[in-house]
Amino acid sequence: MPFFSNASSMTLPKRLYSAAELLLGGLVLMTVGKALPQLMATSANWWVASAFYTFISILVMVFWPHGSLGWANRVTLARAVLVALLAGALAANAFVEVIWQWLAIAVIALLLDGVDGWIARRTKSHSLFGARFDMELDALLILLLCAGLLRLESLGLWVLMIGGMRYLFVAASWPFPWLAEPLFESFRRKAVCVWQVVALLLALTPLTSHLVASLLAISALLSLLYSFGIDVWWLSRKTRRY
């Protein structure tokens, strides 16, 4: 599903406004990364973080045709910087030695998740792009936390299903287009997303035992299966009805 149907209508001046803000975000990435030398300890960490941020920036340039990002999307871009740092720290397992720093960045990214939505409501700047930008960062954050948990606790590759299920759902919508139909607003879906992140963060702390970490990860996976199951069931009924 595209962010905007008229993404191809961007004009060069508007692209320049967007590019300037994205470049500023890149400078923030470098500044914060330099302030965390243990987290970004090797060139591999920097390459991975830069690659993630560059990929996100390219998508923003392609799908945002309105120039200046606006304050809500700027907060989401700040989250993108943090997510890129989290991804970079996974390289060479740099995050293991400074796990509390890594988790602190993840917590800040989680807290900012509510700020961009609040700003969008206050400034009446809701957009399909903003909602999708926010959602994709949530999905990426969860996947990165799963990768970290896999390394720290050796729970098995099934842990990646927690972060990968959303992408599997999108892939399944290609042969089954009815899965891409709009879903109803759901507090349950938001609550499950928040619990996924909270459960993974708790499982990742050094204070959590292997058994408790396993139970937390299992609870996140089961709640996700339940939530996706309801959505698939609702979409299938909607398709049969029409």
Protein backbone atom coordinates (compact mmCIF):
# COMPACT_ATOMS: atom_id res chain seq x y z
CA MET A 1 0.00 0.00 0.00
CA PRO A 2 1.57 3.30 -1.06
CA PHE A 3 1.86 6.19 1.36
CA PHE A 4 0.43 8.63 -1.18
CA SER A 5 -1.07 7.98 -4.57
CA ASN A 6 0.42 11.22 -5.91
CA ALA A 7 3.98 10.60 -4.70
CA SER A 8 5.28 11.00 -8.25
CA SER A 9 4.04 14.61 -8.34
CA MET A 10 6.93 15.94 -6.20
CA THR A 11 8.54 19.13 -7.44
CA LEU A 12 12.24 19.81 -7.10
CA PRO A 13 11.91 22.69 -4.55
CA LYS A 14 9.79 20.48 -2.29
CA ARG A 15 12.31 17.69 -2.63
CA LEU A 16 15.01 20.10 -1.51
CA TYR A 17 13.07 20.98 1.64
CA SER A 18 12.64 17.29 2.47
CA ALA A 19 16.27 16.50 1.64
CA ALA A 20 17.49 19.30 3.92
CA GLU A 21 15.52 17.94 6.88
CA LEU A 22 16.68 14.40 6.18
CA LEU A 23 20.28 15.62 5.97
CA LEU A 24 19.83 17.31 9.34
CA GLY A 25 18.57 14.00 10.70
CA GLY A 26 21.74 12.37 9.37
CA LEU A 27 23.85 14.92 11.23
CA VAL A 28 21.90 14.13 14.41
CA LEU A 29 22.64 10.45 13.83
CA MET A 30 26.36 11.19 13.59
CA THR A 31 26.32 13.45 16.67
CA VAL A 32 24.46 11.00 18.88
CA GLY A 33 26.54 8.09 17.59
CA LYS A 34 29.76 9.95 18.38
CA ALA A 35 28.46 10.54 21.91
CA LEU A 36 28.01 6.77 22.33
CA PRO A 37 31.42 5.40 21.33
CA GLN A 38 30.90 1.98 22.94
CA LEU A 39 27.60 1.51 21.14
CA MET A 40 29.07 2.57 17.79
CA ALA A 41 32.46 1.02 18.40
CA THR A 42 33.45 -0.17 14.92
CA SER A 43 33.10 0.87 11.31
CA ALA A 44 30.59 -1.97 10.90
CA ASN A 45 28.30 -0.31 13.43
CA TRP A 46 28.46 2.96 11.51
CA TRP A 47 27.92 1.29 8.14
CA VAL A 48 24.82 -0.55 9.33
CA ALA A 49 23.34 2.50 11.07
CA SER A 50 24.01 4.67 8.01
CA ALA A 51 22.51 2.07 5.67
CA PHE A 52 19.32 1.87 7.72
CA TYR A 53 18.96 5.65 7.91
CA THR A 54 19.72 6.07 4.20
CA PHE A 55 17.09 3.49 3.28
CA ILE A 56 14.51 5.22 5.48
CA SER A 57 15.44 8.60 3.96
CA ILE A 58 15.02 7.29 0.42
CA LEU A 59 11.53 6.03 1.26
CA VAL A 60 10.63 9.40 2.76
CA MET A 61 11.86 11.20 -0.36
CA VAL A 62 9.84 8.89 -2.58
CA PHE A 63 6.56 8.92 -0.66
CA TRP A 64 6.43 12.40 0.89
CA PRO A 65 5.55 14.95 -1.82
CA HIS A 66 4.85 17.95 0.41
CA GLY A 67 8.28 19.41 1.15
CA SER A 68 8.71 20.35 4.81
CA LEU A 69 7.98 17.32 6.99
CA GLY A 70 6.04 19.10 9.71
CA TRP A 71 6.59 18.67 13.44
CA ALA A 72 4.84 15.32 13.82
CA ASN A 73 6.91 13.73 11.06
CA ARG A 74 10.06 15.37 12.44
CA VAL A 75 9.49 13.56 15.73
CA THR A 76 9.01 10.35 13.77
CA LEU A 77 12.25 11.09 11.94
CA ALA A 78 13.97 11.45 15.32
CA ARG A 79 12.66 7.97 16.09
CA ALA A 80 14.15 6.80 12.79
CA VAL A 81 17.56 8.10 13.93
CA LEU A 82 17.26 6.10 17.16
CA VAL A 83 16.13 2.97 15.33
CA ALA A 84 19.09 3.28 12.96
CA LEU A 85 21.43 3.47 15.97
CA LEU A 86 19.81 0.38 17.46
CA ALA A 87 20.35 -1.46 14.18
CA GLY A 88 23.95 -0.30 13.93
CA ALA A 89 24.76 -1.48 17.45
CA LEU A 90 23.70 -5.02 16.54
CA ALA A 91 26.69 -5.31 14.21
CA ALA A 92 29.62 -7.16 15.78
CA ASN A 93 27.40 -7.53 18.88
CA ALA A 94 28.52 -4.11 20.14
CA PHE A 95 25.23 -3.71 22.04
CA VAL A 96 25.99 -6.66 24.34
CA GLU A 97 28.63 -4.79 26.34
CA VAL A 98 26.46 -1.69 26.71
CA ILE A 99 23.03 -3.30 26.87
CA TRP A 100 21.61 -0.64 29.19
CA GLN A 101 22.50 2.12 26.71
CA TRP A 102 20.94 0.12 23.91
CA LEU A 103 17.76 -0.45 25.91
CA ALA A 104 17.61 3.23 26.92
CA ILE A 105 17.61 4.24 23.26
CA ALA A 106 14.85 1.72 22.56
CA VAL A 107 12.78 3.09 25.45
CA ILE A 108 13.18 6.66 24.18
CA ALA A 109 12.09 5.52 20.71
CA LEU A 110 9.05 3.86 22.29
CA LEU A 111 8.13 6.97 24.30
CA LEU A 112 8.41 9.18 21.22
CA ASP A 113 5.90 6.88 19.53
CA GLY A 114 3.14 8.66 21.45
CA VAL A 115 4.56 12.14 20.97
CA ASP A 116 4.30 12.27 17.17
CA GLY A 117 0.66 11.18 17.26
CA TRP A 118 -0.14 13.78 19.93
CA ILE A 119 1.51 16.52 17.86
CA ALA A 120 -0.36 15.42 14.74
CA ARG A 121 -3.66 15.66 16.61
CA ARG A 122 -2.85 19.03 18.17
CA THR A 123 -1.70 20.54 14.87
CA LYS A 124 -4.37 18.76 12.82
CA SER A 125 -1.66 17.41 10.53
CA HIS A 126 -2.78 13.79 10.27
CA SER A 127 -1.67 12.08 7.08
CA LEU A 128 -1.61 8.60 5.61
CA PHE A 129 2.15 8.96 5.24
CA GLY A 130 2.66 9.93 8.89
CA ALA A 131 0.61 6.99 10.14
CA ARG A 132 2.44 4.57 7.85
CA PHE A 133 5.86 6.05 8.70
CA ASP A 134 5.12 5.59 12.39
CA MET A 135 3.81 2.05 11.93
CA GLU A 136 6.77 0.87 9.86
CA LEU A 137 9.21 2.19 12.47
CA ASP A 138 7.29 0.31 15.17
CA ALA A 139 7.61 -2.88 13.14
CA LEU A 140 11.32 -2.33 12.54
CA LEU A 141 11.95 -1.54 16.22
CA ILE A 142 10.26 -4.79 17.26
CA LEU A 143 12.27 -6.79 14.74
CA LEU A 144 15.54 -5.29 16.02
CA LEU A 145 14.60 -6.08 19.61
CA CYS A 146 13.90 -9.66 18.54
CA ALA A 147 17.32 -9.88 16.92
CA GLY A 148 18.91 -8.59 20.11
CA LEU A 149 17.00 -11.10 22.23
CA LEU A 150 18.04 -13.93 19.92
CA ARG A 151 21.68 -13.01 20.47
CA LEU A 152 21.47 -12.49 24.24
CA GLU A 153 19.21 -15.34 25.31
CA SER A 154 19.63 -17.89 22.47
CA LEU A 155 15.90 -18.66 22.56
CA GLY A 156 15.81 -19.95 19.01
CA LEU A 157 14.87 -18.50 15.66
CA TRP A 158 11.18 -18.58 16.63
CA VAL A 159 11.81 -15.28 18.45
CA LEU A 160 12.18 -13.58 15.07
CA MET A 161 8.56 -14.51 14.32
CA ILE A 162 7.49 -11.79 16.78
CA GLY A 163 9.11 -9.12 14.65
CA GLY A 164 8.68 -10.86 11.32
CA MET A 165 4.98 -11.65 11.45
CA ARG A 166 3.92 -8.22 10.26
CA TYR A 167 6.15 -8.59 7.20
CA LEU A 168 4.79 -12.09 6.57
CA PHE A 169 1.29 -10.63 6.71
CA VAL A 170 2.23 -8.03 4.08
CA ALA A 171 3.84 -10.72 1.90
CA ALA A 172 0.71 -12.88 2.21
CA SER A 173 -1.39 -9.98 0.89
CA TRP A 174 0.33 -10.27 -2.50
CA PRO A 175 -1.24 -13.61 -3.46
CA PHE A 176 -4.31 -12.83 -1.31
CA PRO A 177 -5.18 -9.15 -1.99
CA TRP A 178 -8.10 -9.23 0.45
CA LEU A 179 -5.56 -9.19 3.28
CA ALA A 180 -4.56 -5.68 2.20
CA GLU A 181 -8.06 -4.29 2.73
CA PRO A 182 -8.38 -1.50 5.34
CA LEU A 183 -8.84 -2.67 8.92
CA PHE A 184 -11.11 -1.12 11.54
CA GLU A 185 -9.61 1.00 14.32
CA SER A 186 -8.67 -1.25 17.21
CA PHE A 187 -7.41 -0.57 20.72
CA ARG A 188 -6.56 -4.27 20.91
CA ARG A 189 -4.12 -3.94 18.02
CA LYS A 190 -2.39 -0.95 19.64
CA ALA A 191 -2.25 -2.67 23.04
CA VAL A 192 -0.67 -5.79 21.56
CA CYS A 193 1.94 -3.67 19.76
CA VAL A 194 2.85 -1.89 22.99
CA TRP A 195 2.99 -5.18 24.91
CA GLN A 196 5.30 -6.66 22.29
CA VAL A 197 7.82 -3.89 22.82
CA VAL A 198 7.47 -3.87 26.62
CA ALA A 199 7.80 -7.66 26.85
CA LEU A 200 10.87 -7.66 24.63
CA LEU A 201 12.49 -4.81 26.56
CA LEU A 202 11.91 -6.60 29.87
CA ALA A 203 13.24 -9.86 28.42
CA LEU A 204 16.40 -8.07 27.28
CA THR A 205 17.37 -6.60 30.64
CA PRO A 206 20.31 -8.29 32.40
CA LEU A 207 18.11 -8.53 35.51
CA THR A 208 15.73 -10.96 33.79
CA SER A 209 16.39 -14.68 34.05
CA HIS A 210 16.45 -16.92 30.99
CA LEU A 211 13.16 -18.55 32.03
CA VAL A 212 11.35 -15.25 32.52
CA ALA A 213 12.77 -13.91 29.25
CA SER A 214 11.42 -16.98 27.49
CA LEU A 215 7.96 -16.54 29.05
CA LEU A 216 7.86 -12.86 28.12
CA ALA A 217 8.81 -13.64 24.51
CA ILE A 218 6.21 -16.40 24.33
CA SER A 219 3.53 -14.04 25.69
CA ALA A 220 4.43 -11.49 23.03
CA LEU A 221 4.22 -14.11 20.29
CA LEU A 222 0.91 -15.55 21.51
CA SER A 223 -0.72 -12.13 21.84
CA LEU A 224 0.47 -11.29 18.33
CA LEU A 225 -0.91 -14.53 16.90
CA TYR A 226 -4.22 -13.80 18.60
CA SER A 227 -4.35 -10.25 17.22
CA PHE A 228 -3.41 -11.25 13.67
CA GLY A 229 -5.85 -14.14 13.84
CA ILE A 230 -8.75 -11.79 14.63
CA ASP A 231 -7.78 -9.44 11.80
CA VAL A 232 -7.46 -12.27 9.26
CA TRP A 233 -10.81 -13.71 10.38
CA TRP A 234 -12.49 -10.28 10.09
CA LEU A 235 -11.01 -9.64 6.62
CA SER A 236 -12.06 -13.08 5.38
CA ARG A 237 -15.62 -12.52 6.57
CA LYS A 238 -15.66 -9.09 4.95
CA THR A 239 -14.48 -10.61 1.65
CA ARG A 240 -17.12 -13.36 1.70
CA ARG A 241 -19.81 -10.81 2.52
CA TYR A 242 -19.03 -8.82 -0.65
